[in-house]
Amino acid sequence: MSGIDVVFLSTMVGHSERTLQIVRLASDRLRDDALRTLAAAIEATEADELAAMRGWLPTTGPGASAAAHHHEGHGDDAALDRLRTAPDADVDRVLREVLADHQRSAADLARAQVDVGRNERVRDLARRIEQSRTAEVELLRGTP
């Protein structure tokens, strides 16, 4: 596994941890059933991917484990605060906005990895992330 693959995995671990934080922060307050279902699907998918990525990182060589635990900057704390303080009537809308922006950045990271990654297993994951996050953004933006 190349350094660029390790950097991608480490970055995506932090990104997925933030995604889970976002989804879990709002899940009990969501009113829209379709949005609740989408949030649950996102949580399940990212929890599975997170477990896989964490499993791959320790096997990549010295320093990989340390890299996997440095996640600062994987999300805007102001966006979390917006979601935390959103009135109940606005939680669905705020989650759509916050999560769409967050997932768009994951799709961008994954798209770049597909172009430069060396490890085929990591590139395959990046392809799946790019496709799923792009679809999620479309669903989040298309939901009234």
N, C-alpha and C. Protein backbone atom coordinates (compact mmCIF):
# COMPACT_ATOMS: atom_id res chain seq x y z
N MET A 1 0.86 -1.17 0.00
CA MET A 1 0.00 0.00 0.00
C MET A 1 0.91 1.23 0.00
N SER A 2 0.61 2.16 -0.87
CA SER A 2 1.44 3.35 -0.98
C SER A 2 1.06 4.39 0.08
N GLY A 3 1.92 5.39 0.21
CA GLY A 3 1.65 6.48 1.15
C GLY A 3 0.35 7.19 0.83
N ILE A 4 0.06 7.37 -0.45
CA ILE A 4 -1.17 8.08 -0.84
C ILE A 4 -2.40 7.26 -0.44
N ASP A 5 -2.28 5.93 -0.49
CA ASP A 5 -3.39 5.08 -0.05
C ASP A 5 -3.61 5.20 1.45
N VAL A 6 -2.52 5.23 2.21
CA VAL A 6 -2.61 5.37 3.67
C VAL A 6 -3.20 6.73 4.03
N VAL A 7 -2.77 7.78 3.34
CA VAL A 7 -3.31 9.12 3.60
C VAL A 7 -4.81 9.14 3.31
N PHE A 8 -5.21 8.56 2.20
CA PHE A 8 -6.64 8.51 1.87
C PHE A 8 -7.43 7.78 2.95
N LEU A 9 -6.97 6.59 3.33
CA LEU A 9 -7.67 5.82 4.35
C LEU A 9 -7.75 6.58 5.66
N SER A 10 -6.65 7.18 6.06
CA SER A 10 -6.64 7.95 7.31
C SER A 10 -7.61 9.12 7.25
N THR A 11 -7.63 9.79 6.12
CA THR A 11 -8.54 10.92 5.94
C THR A 11 -9.99 10.46 5.95
N MET A 12 -10.25 9.35 5.26
CA MET A 12 -11.62 8.85 5.21
C MET A 12 -12.08 8.30 6.55
N VAL A 13 -11.17 7.76 7.36
CA VAL A 13 -11.56 7.32 8.71
C VAL A 13 -12.10 8.52 9.48
N GLY A 14 -11.36 9.61 9.46
CA GLY A 14 -11.83 10.82 10.15
C GLY A 14 -13.12 11.35 9.58
N HIS A 15 -13.23 11.31 8.26
CA HIS A 15 -14.43 11.80 7.59
C HIS A 15 -15.65 10.95 7.97
N SER A 16 -15.47 9.64 7.97
CA SER A 16 -16.58 8.74 8.32
C SER A 16 -16.96 8.88 9.79
N GLU A 17 -15.98 9.07 10.65
CA GLU A 17 -16.29 9.31 12.06
C GLU A 17 -17.16 10.55 12.21
N ARG A 18 -16.83 11.60 11.45
CA ARG A 18 -17.63 12.83 11.51
C ARG A 18 -19.02 12.59 10.94
N THR A 19 -19.12 11.82 9.86
CA THR A 19 -20.43 11.50 9.29
C THR A 19 -21.31 10.83 10.33
N LEU A 20 -20.76 9.84 11.02
CA LEU A 20 -21.53 9.14 12.05
C LEU A 20 -21.96 10.11 13.15
N GLN A 21 -21.09 11.01 13.50
CA GLN A 21 -21.42 12.01 14.52
C GLN A 21 -22.59 12.88 14.04
N ILE A 22 -22.54 13.32 12.80
CA ILE A 22 -23.60 14.16 12.24
C ILE A 22 -24.94 13.42 12.25
N VAL A 23 -24.94 12.20 11.72
CA VAL A 23 -26.17 11.43 11.60
C VAL A 23 -26.75 11.12 12.98
N ARG A 24 -25.90 10.71 13.89
CA ARG A 24 -26.38 10.35 15.23
C ARG A 24 -26.88 11.55 16.00
N LEU A 25 -26.31 12.70 15.73
CA LEU A 25 -26.72 13.92 16.41
C LEU A 25 -28.17 14.28 16.08
N ALA A 26 -28.59 13.97 14.87
CA ALA A 26 -29.93 14.38 14.42
C ALA A 26 -30.95 13.25 14.40
N SER A 27 -30.52 12.01 14.46
CA SER A 27 -31.42 10.89 14.18
C SER A 27 -32.69 10.87 15.05
N ASP A 28 -32.59 11.22 16.30
CA ASP A 28 -33.76 11.18 17.18
C ASP A 28 -34.72 12.34 16.96
N ARG A 29 -34.28 13.33 16.21
CA ARG A 29 -35.11 14.53 16.02
C ARG A 29 -35.71 14.64 14.63
N LEU A 30 -35.38 13.72 13.74
CA LEU A 30 -35.86 13.81 12.36
C LEU A 30 -37.36 13.55 12.29
N ARG A 31 -38.02 14.30 11.43
CA ARG A 31 -39.46 14.17 11.25
C ARG A 31 -39.81 13.42 9.96
N ASP A 32 -38.99 13.60 8.95
CA ASP A 32 -39.25 13.01 7.63
C ASP A 32 -38.82 11.54 7.63
N ASP A 33 -39.76 10.64 7.34
CA ASP A 33 -39.45 9.21 7.36
C ASP A 33 -38.41 8.82 6.31
N ALA A 34 -38.51 9.41 5.13
CA ALA A 34 -37.53 9.09 4.07
C ALA A 34 -36.13 9.55 4.48
N LEU A 35 -36.04 10.69 5.10
CA LEU A 35 -34.75 11.20 5.57
C LEU A 35 -34.22 10.33 6.70
N ARG A 36 -35.10 9.89 7.57
CA ARG A 36 -34.69 9.00 8.66
C ARG A 36 -34.14 7.69 8.10
N THR A 37 -34.78 7.15 7.08
CA THR A 37 -34.32 5.91 6.44
C THR A 37 -32.97 6.13 5.76
N LEU A 38 -32.82 7.25 5.06
CA LEU A 38 -31.55 7.56 4.41
C LEU A 38 -30.44 7.72 5.45
N ALA A 39 -30.72 8.41 6.53
CA ALA A 39 -29.72 8.60 7.58
C ALA A 39 -29.30 7.26 8.18
N ALA A 40 -30.24 6.37 8.38
CA ALA A 40 -29.92 5.04 8.92
C ALA A 40 -29.07 4.24 7.93
N ALA A 41 -29.37 4.35 6.65
CA ALA A 41 -28.58 3.65 5.63
C ALA A 41 -27.16 4.21 5.57
N ILE A 42 -27.04 5.53 5.66
CA ILE A 42 -25.72 6.16 5.67
C ILE A 42 -24.93 5.70 6.89
N GLU A 43 -25.58 5.65 8.03
CA GLU A 43 -24.91 5.21 9.26
C GLU A 43 -24.41 3.77 9.12
N ALA A 44 -25.24 2.88 8.60
CA ALA A 44 -24.85 1.48 8.45
C ALA A 44 -23.69 1.32 7.46
N THR A 45 -23.80 2.00 6.32
CA THR A 45 -22.76 1.92 5.30
C THR A 45 -21.43 2.44 5.82
N GLU A 46 -21.46 3.60 6.44
CA GLU A 46 -20.20 4.20 6.89
C GLU A 46 -19.61 3.47 8.08
N ALA A 47 -20.44 2.88 8.93
CA ALA A 47 -19.90 2.09 10.03
C ALA A 47 -19.17 0.86 9.49
N ASP A 48 -19.73 0.22 8.46
CA ASP A 48 -19.06 -0.92 7.83
C ASP A 48 -17.75 -0.51 7.16
N GLU A 49 -17.80 0.58 6.41
CA GLU A 49 -16.58 1.06 5.74
C GLU A 49 -15.52 1.46 6.76
N LEU A 50 -15.95 2.09 7.83
CA LEU A 50 -15.02 2.52 8.87
C LEU A 50 -14.32 1.31 9.49
N ALA A 51 -15.05 0.27 9.77
CA ALA A 51 -14.45 -0.95 10.33
C ALA A 51 -13.42 -1.53 9.36
N ALA A 52 -13.76 -1.56 8.08
CA ALA A 52 -12.82 -2.09 7.08
C ALA A 52 -11.56 -1.24 7.00
N MET A 53 -11.73 0.07 6.93
CA MET A 53 -10.57 0.96 6.81
C MET A 53 -9.68 0.87 8.04
N ARG A 54 -10.28 0.84 9.21
CA ARG A 54 -9.48 0.70 10.44
C ARG A 54 -8.73 -0.63 10.44
N GLY A 55 -9.34 -1.66 9.88
CA GLY A 55 -8.68 -2.95 9.79
C GLY A 55 -7.51 -2.96 8.83
N TRP A 56 -7.62 -2.19 7.76
CA TRP A 56 -6.54 -2.14 6.77
C TRP A 56 -5.37 -1.31 7.26
N LEU A 57 -5.63 -0.23 7.96
CA LEU A 57 -4.56 0.70 8.32
C LEU A 57 -3.44 0.09 9.16
N PRO A 58 -3.71 -0.67 10.18
CA PRO A 58 -2.59 -1.20 10.97
C PRO A 58 -1.68 -2.14 10.18
N THR A 59 -2.15 -2.65 9.04
CA THR A 59 -1.35 -3.59 8.25
C THR A 59 -0.49 -2.89 7.21
N THR A 60 -0.51 -1.57 7.16
CA THR A 60 0.20 -0.87 6.09
C THR A 60 1.62 -0.48 6.44
N GLY A 61 2.05 -0.75 7.64
CA GLY A 61 3.44 -0.46 7.99
C GLY A 61 3.56 0.51 9.13
N PRO A 62 4.81 0.80 9.51
CA PRO A 62 5.06 1.70 10.65
C PRO A 62 4.42 3.06 10.45
N GLY A 63 3.81 3.54 11.51
CA GLY A 63 3.22 4.88 11.48
C GLY A 63 1.79 4.94 10.98
N ALA A 64 1.33 3.86 10.37
CA ALA A 64 -0.03 3.88 9.82
C ALA A 64 -1.07 4.01 10.93
N SER A 65 -0.88 3.30 12.01
CA SER A 65 -1.84 3.38 13.11
C SER A 65 -1.91 4.79 13.68
N ALA A 66 -0.76 5.43 13.82
CA ALA A 66 -0.74 6.80 14.33
C ALA A 66 -1.45 7.73 13.37
N ALA A 67 -1.23 7.55 12.07
CA ALA A 67 -1.89 8.40 11.07
C ALA A 67 -3.39 8.25 11.13
N ALA A 68 -3.84 7.05 11.42
CA ALA A 68 -5.29 6.79 11.44
C ALA A 68 -5.98 7.49 12.59
N HIS A 69 -5.24 7.91 13.61
CA HIS A 69 -5.87 8.52 14.77
C HIS A 69 -5.78 10.04 14.79
N HIS A 70 -5.32 10.62 13.72
CA HIS A 70 -5.23 12.08 13.64
C HIS A 70 -6.33 12.56 12.71
N HIS A 71 -7.42 13.08 13.28
CA HIS A 71 -8.59 13.40 12.46
C HIS A 71 -9.03 14.84 12.56
N GLU A 72 -8.22 15.71 13.03
CA GLU A 72 -8.64 17.10 13.12
C GLU A 72 -8.90 17.65 11.72
N GLY A 73 -9.88 18.53 11.64
CA GLY A 73 -10.17 19.17 10.37
C GLY A 73 -11.06 18.37 9.45
N HIS A 74 -11.72 17.32 9.95
CA HIS A 74 -12.59 16.50 9.10
C HIS A 74 -14.03 16.95 9.16
N GLY A 75 -14.24 18.17 9.43
CA GLY A 75 -15.60 18.66 9.44
C GLY A 75 -15.64 20.00 10.12
N ASP A 76 -16.64 20.70 9.79
CA ASP A 76 -16.81 22.05 10.31
C ASP A 76 -17.59 21.99 11.62
N ASP A 77 -16.94 22.39 12.71
CA ASP A 77 -17.64 22.39 14.00
C ASP A 77 -18.83 23.33 13.99
N ALA A 78 -18.77 24.39 13.20
CA ALA A 78 -19.90 25.31 13.10
C ALA A 78 -21.12 24.59 12.51
N ALA A 79 -20.88 23.67 11.59
CA ALA A 79 -21.99 22.91 11.01
C ALA A 79 -22.61 22.00 12.07
N LEU A 80 -21.78 21.38 12.89
CA LEU A 80 -22.32 20.56 13.99
C LEU A 80 -23.10 21.41 14.97
N ASP A 81 -22.59 22.58 15.27
CA ASP A 81 -23.30 23.49 16.18
C ASP A 81 -24.65 23.90 15.58
N ARG A 82 -24.66 24.14 14.28
CA ARG A 82 -25.91 24.49 13.59
C ARG A 82 -26.94 23.38 13.76
N LEU A 83 -26.48 22.16 13.60
CA LEU A 83 -27.37 21.02 13.72
C LEU A 83 -27.81 20.82 15.17
N ARG A 84 -26.89 20.96 16.08
CA ARG A 84 -27.18 20.81 17.52
C ARG A 84 -28.22 21.81 18.00
N THR A 85 -28.14 23.04 17.50
CA THR A 85 -29.01 24.11 18.00
C THR A 85 -30.22 24.37 17.12
N ALA A 86 -30.36 23.60 16.06
CA ALA A 86 -31.51 23.81 15.17
C ALA A 86 -32.81 23.51 15.90
N PRO A 87 -33.78 24.39 15.76
CA PRO A 87 -35.11 24.09 16.33
C PRO A 87 -35.65 22.81 15.69
N ASP A 88 -36.46 22.09 16.42
CA ASP A 88 -36.99 20.82 15.92
C ASP A 88 -37.61 20.95 14.53
N ALA A 89 -38.29 22.04 14.28
CA ALA A 89 -38.94 22.24 12.98
C ALA A 89 -37.93 22.38 11.83
N ASP A 90 -36.66 22.70 12.15
CA ASP A 90 -35.65 22.92 11.12
C ASP A 90 -34.61 21.80 11.01
N VAL A 91 -34.69 20.80 11.87
CA VAL A 91 -33.64 19.77 11.92
C VAL A 91 -33.52 19.03 10.59
N ASP A 92 -34.62 18.68 9.97
CA ASP A 92 -34.55 17.95 8.70
C ASP A 92 -33.80 18.78 7.65
N ARG A 93 -34.17 20.03 7.53
CA ARG A 93 -33.53 20.90 6.53
C ARG A 93 -32.04 21.09 6.84
N VAL A 94 -31.71 21.34 8.09
CA VAL A 94 -30.31 21.58 8.47
C VAL A 94 -29.49 20.31 8.25
N LEU A 95 -30.04 19.14 8.60
CA LEU A 95 -29.31 17.90 8.36
C LEU A 95 -29.05 17.71 6.88
N ARG A 96 -30.06 17.95 6.05
CA ARG A 96 -29.86 17.82 4.60
C ARG A 96 -28.71 18.70 4.13
N GLU A 97 -28.69 19.94 4.58
CA GLU A 97 -27.64 20.88 4.15
C GLU A 97 -26.27 20.45 4.66
N VAL A 98 -26.17 20.18 5.95
CA VAL A 98 -24.88 19.82 6.56
C VAL A 98 -24.36 18.51 5.97
N LEU A 99 -25.21 17.52 5.89
CA LEU A 99 -24.79 16.21 5.41
C LEU A 99 -24.47 16.23 3.91
N ALA A 100 -25.24 16.97 3.14
CA ALA A 100 -24.95 17.07 1.70
C ALA A 100 -23.57 17.68 1.47
N ASP A 101 -23.26 18.75 2.17
CA ASP A 101 -21.94 19.37 2.03
C ASP A 101 -20.84 18.41 2.46
N HIS A 102 -21.06 17.72 3.56
CA HIS A 102 -20.06 16.79 4.09
C HIS A 102 -19.84 15.61 3.13
N GLN A 103 -20.92 15.06 2.61
CA GLN A 103 -20.80 13.91 1.72
C GLN A 103 -20.24 14.31 0.36
N ARG A 104 -20.49 15.53 -0.06
CA ARG A 104 -19.89 16.01 -1.31
C ARG A 104 -18.37 16.02 -1.20
N SER A 105 -17.86 16.43 -0.04
CA SER A 105 -16.40 16.46 0.12
C SER A 105 -15.84 15.03 0.14
N ALA A 106 -16.57 14.07 0.70
CA ALA A 106 -16.13 12.67 0.67
C ALA A 106 -16.07 12.16 -0.77
N ALA A 107 -17.08 12.50 -1.57
CA ALA A 107 -17.08 12.08 -2.97
C ALA A 107 -15.89 12.68 -3.71
N ASP A 108 -15.57 13.94 -3.43
CA ASP A 108 -14.42 14.59 -4.07
C ASP A 108 -13.11 13.91 -3.68
N LEU A 109 -12.94 13.61 -2.39
CA LEU A 109 -11.74 12.91 -1.92
C LEU A 109 -11.61 11.55 -2.59
N ALA A 110 -12.71 10.84 -2.65
CA ALA A 110 -12.69 9.50 -3.24
C ALA A 110 -12.38 9.55 -4.73
N ARG A 111 -12.97 10.51 -5.42
CA ARG A 111 -12.72 10.66 -6.86
C ARG A 111 -11.24 10.90 -7.12
N ALA A 112 -10.62 11.73 -6.31
CA ALA A 112 -9.19 12.00 -6.46
C ALA A 112 -8.37 10.73 -6.20
N GLN A 113 -8.77 9.94 -5.22
CA GLN A 113 -8.04 8.71 -4.89
C GLN A 113 -8.10 7.71 -6.03
N VAL A 114 -9.23 7.62 -6.70
CA VAL A 114 -9.36 6.70 -7.83
C VAL A 114 -8.30 7.03 -8.88
N ASP A 115 -8.03 8.32 -9.07
CA ASP A 115 -7.06 8.75 -10.08
C ASP A 115 -5.61 8.51 -9.67
N VAL A 116 -5.30 8.58 -8.37
CA VAL A 116 -3.89 8.54 -7.95
C VAL A 116 -3.53 7.34 -7.07
N GLY A 117 -4.50 6.63 -6.56
CA GLY A 117 -4.22 5.52 -5.65
C GLY A 117 -3.45 4.40 -6.32
N ARG A 118 -2.72 3.66 -5.51
CA ARG A 118 -1.89 2.56 -6.01
C ARG A 118 -2.49 1.20 -5.70
N ASN A 119 -3.12 1.08 -4.54
CA ASN A 119 -3.65 -0.20 -4.09
C ASN A 119 -5.04 -0.40 -4.67
N GLU A 120 -5.23 -1.51 -5.37
CA GLU A 120 -6.51 -1.73 -6.05
C GLU A 120 -7.66 -1.88 -5.07
N ARG A 121 -7.43 -2.48 -3.92
CA ARG A 121 -8.49 -2.63 -2.91
C ARG A 121 -8.94 -1.25 -2.41
N VAL A 122 -7.98 -0.36 -2.19
CA VAL A 122 -8.31 0.99 -1.74
C VAL A 122 -8.98 1.78 -2.86
N ARG A 123 -8.51 1.62 -4.08
CA ARG A 123 -9.14 2.30 -5.22
C ARG A 123 -10.58 1.82 -5.41
N ASP A 124 -10.82 0.51 -5.20
CA ASP A 124 -12.18 -0.02 -5.31
C ASP A 124 -13.07 0.61 -4.24
N LEU A 125 -12.57 0.71 -3.02
CA LEU A 125 -13.33 1.38 -1.96
C LEU A 125 -13.61 2.83 -2.35
N ALA A 126 -12.61 3.50 -2.87
CA ALA A 126 -12.77 4.90 -3.28
C ALA A 126 -13.86 5.03 -4.35
N ARG A 127 -13.89 4.11 -5.30
CA ARG A 127 -14.94 4.13 -6.33
C ARG A 127 -16.32 4.00 -5.70
N ARG A 128 -16.45 3.06 -4.77
CA ARG A 128 -17.74 2.85 -4.11
C ARG A 128 -18.14 4.07 -3.28
N ILE A 129 -17.17 4.66 -2.60
CA ILE A 129 -17.45 5.86 -1.80
C ILE A 129 -17.90 7.00 -2.71
N GLU A 130 -17.19 7.19 -3.81
CA GLU A 130 -17.56 8.28 -4.74
C GLU A 130 -18.98 8.09 -5.25
N GLN A 131 -19.32 6.87 -5.64
CA GLN A 131 -20.66 6.61 -6.16
C GLN A 131 -21.74 6.77 -5.10
N SER A 132 -21.50 6.20 -3.92
CA SER A 132 -22.55 6.25 -2.89
C SER A 132 -22.74 7.66 -2.35
N ARG A 133 -21.64 8.38 -2.12
CA ARG A 133 -21.77 9.74 -1.58
C ARG A 133 -22.39 10.69 -2.60
N THR A 134 -22.08 10.50 -3.87
CA THR A 134 -22.70 11.32 -4.91
C THR A 134 -24.21 11.06 -4.94
N ALA A 135 -24.61 9.80 -4.85
CA ALA A 135 -26.04 9.45 -4.82
C ALA A 135 -26.71 10.02 -3.58
N GLU A 136 -26.03 9.95 -2.43
CA GLU A 136 -26.59 10.50 -1.20
C GLU A 136 -26.81 12.00 -1.32
N VAL A 137 -25.85 12.70 -1.89
CA VAL A 137 -26.00 14.16 -2.06
C VAL A 137 -27.21 14.44 -2.95
N GLU A 138 -27.38 13.68 -4.01
CA GLU A 138 -28.54 13.88 -4.89
C GLU A 138 -29.84 13.64 -4.12
N LEU A 139 -29.88 12.59 -3.31
CA LEU A 139 -31.09 12.32 -2.51
C LEU A 139 -31.33 13.41 -1.48
N LEU A 140 -30.27 13.87 -0.82
CA LEU A 140 -30.41 14.92 0.19
C LEU A 140 -30.87 16.22 -0.44
N ARG A 141 -30.37 16.54 -1.60
CA ARG A 141 -30.76 17.79 -2.26
C ARG A 141 -32.14 17.68 -2.90
N GLY A 142 -32.55 16.47 -3.25
CA GLY A 142 -33.84 16.29 -3.93
C GLY A 142 -35.01 16.11 -2.99
N THR A 143 -34.72 15.93 -1.71
CA THR A 143 -35.78 15.74 -0.73
C THR A 143 -36.34 17.11 -0.34
N PRO A 144 -37.68 17.28 -0.36
CA PRO A 144 -38.24 18.60 -0.03
C PRO A 144 -37.93 19.04 1.40
